[in-house]
C-alpha atoms as a PDB file:
ATOM      1  CA  MET A   1     -66.890 -38.166 -23.603  1.00  0.00           C
ATOM      2  CA  SER A   2     -64.441 -38.843 -20.802  1.00  0.00           C
ATOM      3  CA  ALA A   3     -63.182 -42.431 -19.679  1.00  0.00           C
ATOM      4  CA  ARG A   4     -64.590 -43.788 -16.463  1.00  0.00           C
ATOM      5  CA  LEU A   5     -62.054 -44.248 -13.763  1.00  0.00           C
ATOM      6  CA  ALA A   6     -62.060 -47.694 -12.141  1.00  0.00           C
ATOM      7  CA  SER A   7     -63.773 -47.621  -8.763  1.00  0.00           C
ATOM      8  CA  GLY A   8     -60.791 -48.809  -6.806  1.00  0.00           C
ATOM      9  CA  ILE A   9     -58.706 -46.378  -8.243  1.00  0.00           C
ATOM     10  CA  TRP A  10     -61.049 -43.669  -7.430  1.00  0.00           C
ATOM     11  CA  VAL A  11     -61.454 -44.759  -4.075  1.00  0.00           C
ATOM     12  CA  SER A  12     -57.845 -44.638  -3.529  1.00  0.00           C
ATOM     13  CA  ALA A  13     -57.475 -41.536  -4.860  1.00  0.00           C
ATOM     14  CA  TYR A  14     -60.007 -39.941  -2.766  1.00  0.00           C
ATOM     15  CA  VAL A  15     -58.836 -41.382   0.683  1.00  0.00           C
ATOM     16  CA  LEU A  16     -55.405 -40.075   0.062  1.00  0.00           C
ATOM     17  CA  ARG A  17     -57.114 -36.437  -0.638  1.00  0.00           C
ATOM     18  CA  LEU A  18     -59.095 -36.795   2.430  1.00  0.00           C
ATOM     19  CA  GLN A  19     -56.021 -37.851   4.602  1.00  0.00           C
ATOM     20  CA  LEU A  20     -54.175 -34.863   3.239  1.00  0.00           C
ATOM     21  CA  ALA A  21     -56.964 -32.647   4.091  1.00  0.00           C
ATOM     22  CA  GLY A  22     -56.784 -34.154   7.758  1.00  0.00           C
ATOM     23  CA  ILE A  23     -60.369 -35.714   7.505  1.00  0.00           C
ATOM     24  CA  PRO A  24     -60.892 -39.227   8.821  1.00  0.00           C
ATOM     25  CA  VAL A  25     -61.965 -41.596   6.510  1.00  0.00           C
ATOM     26  CA  TYR A  26     -62.741 -45.483   6.560  1.00  0.00           C
ATOM     27  CA  VAL A  27     -63.720 -48.034   3.798  1.00  0.00           C
ATOM     28  CA  THR A  28     -66.487 -49.805   5.718  1.00  0.00           C
ATOM     29  CA  ALA A  29     -67.617 -51.945   2.577  1.00  0.00           C
ATOM     30  CA  LYS A  30     -65.422 -52.978  -0.086  1.00  0.00           C
ATOM     31  CA  GLY A  31     -67.273 -52.897  -3.410  1.00  0.00           C
ATOM     32  CA  ASP A  32     -66.296 -54.082  -7.204  1.00  0.00           C
ATOM     33  CA  GLU A  33     -62.935 -52.997  -8.081  1.00  0.00           C
ATOM     34  CA  THR A  34     -63.694 -52.039 -11.447  1.00  0.00           C
ATOM     35  CA  ALA A  35     -67.356 -50.784 -11.689  1.00  0.00           C
ATOM     36  CA  GLY A  36     -68.930 -50.508  -7.972  1.00  0.00           C
ATOM     37  CA  ALA A  37     -71.038 -47.601  -7.194  1.00  0.00           C
ATOM     38  CA  VAL A  38     -69.760 -45.259  -4.244  1.00  0.00           C
ATOM     39  CA  VAL A  39     -71.579 -44.032  -1.325  1.00  0.00           C
ATOM     40  CA  VAL A  40     -69.744 -41.563   0.905  1.00  0.00           C
ATOM     41  CA  LYS A  41     -71.136 -40.868   4.437  1.00  0.00           C
ATOM     42  CA  VAL A  42     -70.054 -37.778   6.729  1.00  0.00           C
ATOM     43  CA  ALA A  43     -70.633 -38.288  10.273  1.00  0.00           C
ATOM     44  CA  THR A  44     -70.613 -34.820  12.161  1.00  0.00           C
ATOM     45  CA  LEU A  45     -69.792 -36.535  15.443  1.00  0.00           C
ATOM     46  CA  ASP A  46     -72.955 -34.960  17.013  1.00  0.00           C
ATOM     47  CA  GLY A  47     -75.420 -38.034  16.147  1.00  0.00           C
ATOM     48  CA  ARG A  48     -76.015 -36.702  13.082  1.00  0.00           C
ATOM     49  CA  ALA A  49     -74.807 -37.992   9.500  1.00  0.00           C
ATOM     50  CA  ARG A  50     -75.501 -37.293   5.720  1.00  0.00           C
ATOM     51  CA  ALA A  51     -74.809 -39.945   2.811  1.00  0.00           C
ATOM     52  CA  PHE A  52     -74.019 -38.832  -0.703  1.00  0.00           C
ATOM     53  CA  GLN A  53     -74.153 -40.916  -4.222  1.00  0.00           C
ATOM     54  CA  ARG A  54     -73.131 -40.375  -7.396  1.00  0.00           C
ATOM     55  CA  SER A  55     -75.752 -39.833 -10.202  1.00  0.00           C
ATOM     56  CA  PHE A  56     -75.991 -37.868 -13.406  1.00  0.00           C
ATOM     57  CA  ASP A  57     -77.408 -34.585 -13.838  1.00  0.00           C
ATOM     58  CA  PRO A  58     -80.545 -35.031 -16.481  1.00  0.00           C
ATOM     59  CA  MET A  59     -80.037 -31.656 -17.954  1.00  0.00           C
ATOM     60  CA  SER A  60     -76.478 -31.794 -18.665  1.00  0.00           C
ATOM     61  CA  GLY A  61     -75.532 -35.632 -18.305  1.00  0.00           C
ATOM     62  CA  ALA A  62     -72.620 -34.924 -15.785  1.00  0.00           C
ATOM     63  CA  ARG A  63     -71.850 -37.022 -12.961  1.00  0.00           C
ATOM     64  CA  VAL A  64     -72.698 -35.065  -9.798  1.00  0.00           C
ATOM     65  CA  TRP A  65     -72.964 -36.141  -6.239  1.00  0.00           C
ATOM     66  CA  THR A  66     -76.692 -36.085  -4.541  1.00  0.00           C
ATOM     67  CA  LEU A  67     -77.926 -36.229  -1.288  1.00  0.00           C
ATOM     68  CA  LEU A  68     -78.890 -40.048  -0.570  1.00  0.00           C
ATOM     69  CA  VAL A  69     -79.905 -39.654   3.172  1.00  0.00           C
ATOM     70  CA  GLN A  70     -79.409 -37.552   6.015  1.00  0.00           C
ATOM     71  CA  GLY A  71     -80.439 -37.467   9.840  1.00  0.00           C
ATOM     72  CA  ALA A  72     -79.604 -39.420  12.798  1.00  0.00           C
ATOM     73  CA  GLU A  73     -76.417 -41.484  12.326  1.00  0.00           C
ATOM     74  CA  ARG A  74     -78.359 -44.544  13.014  1.00  0.00           C
ATOM     75  CA  GLU A  75     -80.968 -44.240  10.520  1.00  0.00           C
ATOM     76  CA  VAL A  76     -78.433 -43.155   7.958  1.00  0.00           C
ATOM     77  CA  ASP A  77     -76.462 -46.397   8.629  1.00  0.00           C
ATOM     78  CA  GLU A  78     -79.731 -48.450   8.467  1.00  0.00           C
ATOM     79  CA  VAL A  79     -80.394 -46.979   5.061  1.00  0.00           C
ATOM     80  CA  LEU A  80     -76.967 -47.855   3.990  1.00  0.00           C
ATOM     81  CA  ALA A  81     -77.078 -51.286   5.053  1.00  0.00           C
ATOM     82  CA  ARG A  82     -80.240 -51.857   2.967  1.00  0.00           C
ATOM     83  CA  GLN A  83     -78.225 -50.360   0.229  1.00  0.00           C
ATOM     84  CA  ARG A  84     -75.253 -52.771   0.624  1.00  0.00           C
ATOM     85  CA  GLN A  85     -77.774 -55.795   0.632  1.00  0.00           C
ATOM     86  CA  ARG A  86     -79.146 -54.753  -2.465  1.00  0.00           C
ATOM     87  CA  ASP A  87     -75.923 -54.180  -4.201  1.00  0.00           C
ATOM     88  CA  ARG A  88     -72.589 -56.244  -3.119  1.00  0.00           C
ATOM     89  CA  ASP A  89     -70.777 -54.317  -5.525  1.00  0.00           C
ATOM     90  CA  LEU A  90     -71.255 -51.079  -3.584  1.00  0.00           C
ATOM     91  CA  TRP A  91     -68.496 -49.041  -1.910  1.00  0.00           C
ATOM     92  CA  VAL A  92     -69.434 -47.310   1.564  1.00  0.00           C
ATOM     93  CA  LEU A  93     -66.831 -44.774   2.801  1.00  0.00           C
ATOM     94  CA  GLU A  94     -67.514 -43.184   6.255  1.00  0.00           C
ATOM     95  CA  LEU A  95     -65.748 -40.026   6.951  1.00  0.00           C
ATOM     96  CA  GLU A  96     -65.608 -38.242  10.437  1.00  0.00           C
ATOM     97  CA  ASP A  97     -65.743 -34.468  10.262  1.00  0.00           C
ATOM     98  CA  ARG A  98     -67.459 -31.826  12.450  1.00  0.00           C
ATOM     99  CA  GLN A  99     -67.806 -29.425   9.685  1.00  0.00           C
ATOM    100  CA  GLY A 100     -69.485 -31.903   7.581  1.00  0.00           C
ATOM    101  CA  ARG A 101     -66.537 -31.637   4.866  1.00  0.00           C
ATOM    102  CA  THR A 102     -66.602 -34.178   1.881  1.00  0.00           C
ATOM    103  CA  LEU A 103     -64.375 -32.501  -0.761  1.00  0.00           C
ATOM    104  CA  LEU A 104     -66.701 -34.049  -3.148  1.00  0.00           C
ATOM    105  CA  ASP A 105     -67.154 -30.333  -4.699  1.00  0.00           C
ATOM    106  CA  GLN A 106     -63.715 -30.115  -5.569  1.00  0.00           C
ATOM    107  CA  ILE A 107     -62.171 -30.646  -9.108  1.00  0.00           C
ATOM    108  CA  GLY A 108     -61.713 -34.262 -10.105  1.00  0.00           C
ATOM    109  CA  LEU A 109     -63.875 -35.999  -7.643  1.00  0.00           C
ATOM    110  CA  ASP A 110     -67.132 -36.057  -9.825  1.00  0.00           C
END
């Protein structure tokens, strides 16, 4: 069983990885440094967006990123605002990438 990385450290490393890839990223809601959940929103700059959350694969027990919501960016923002109202410890990261890249499929970001 692997140790869980503190949320603040994971966010800092992820932001650096995105910056090195030339993907603009903004921390729009800072959550709990130790155990806050993280949502990653990617805006494709055409009025659309997707948001991902980390969950567990029921078959393997592994942590995976799953699609939380997609659609018009305004609607995605509304869902994220409701999530944040329910969970003040939630981190929300917003990316801007025409190709919709998040890098969440890369090794070490699970």
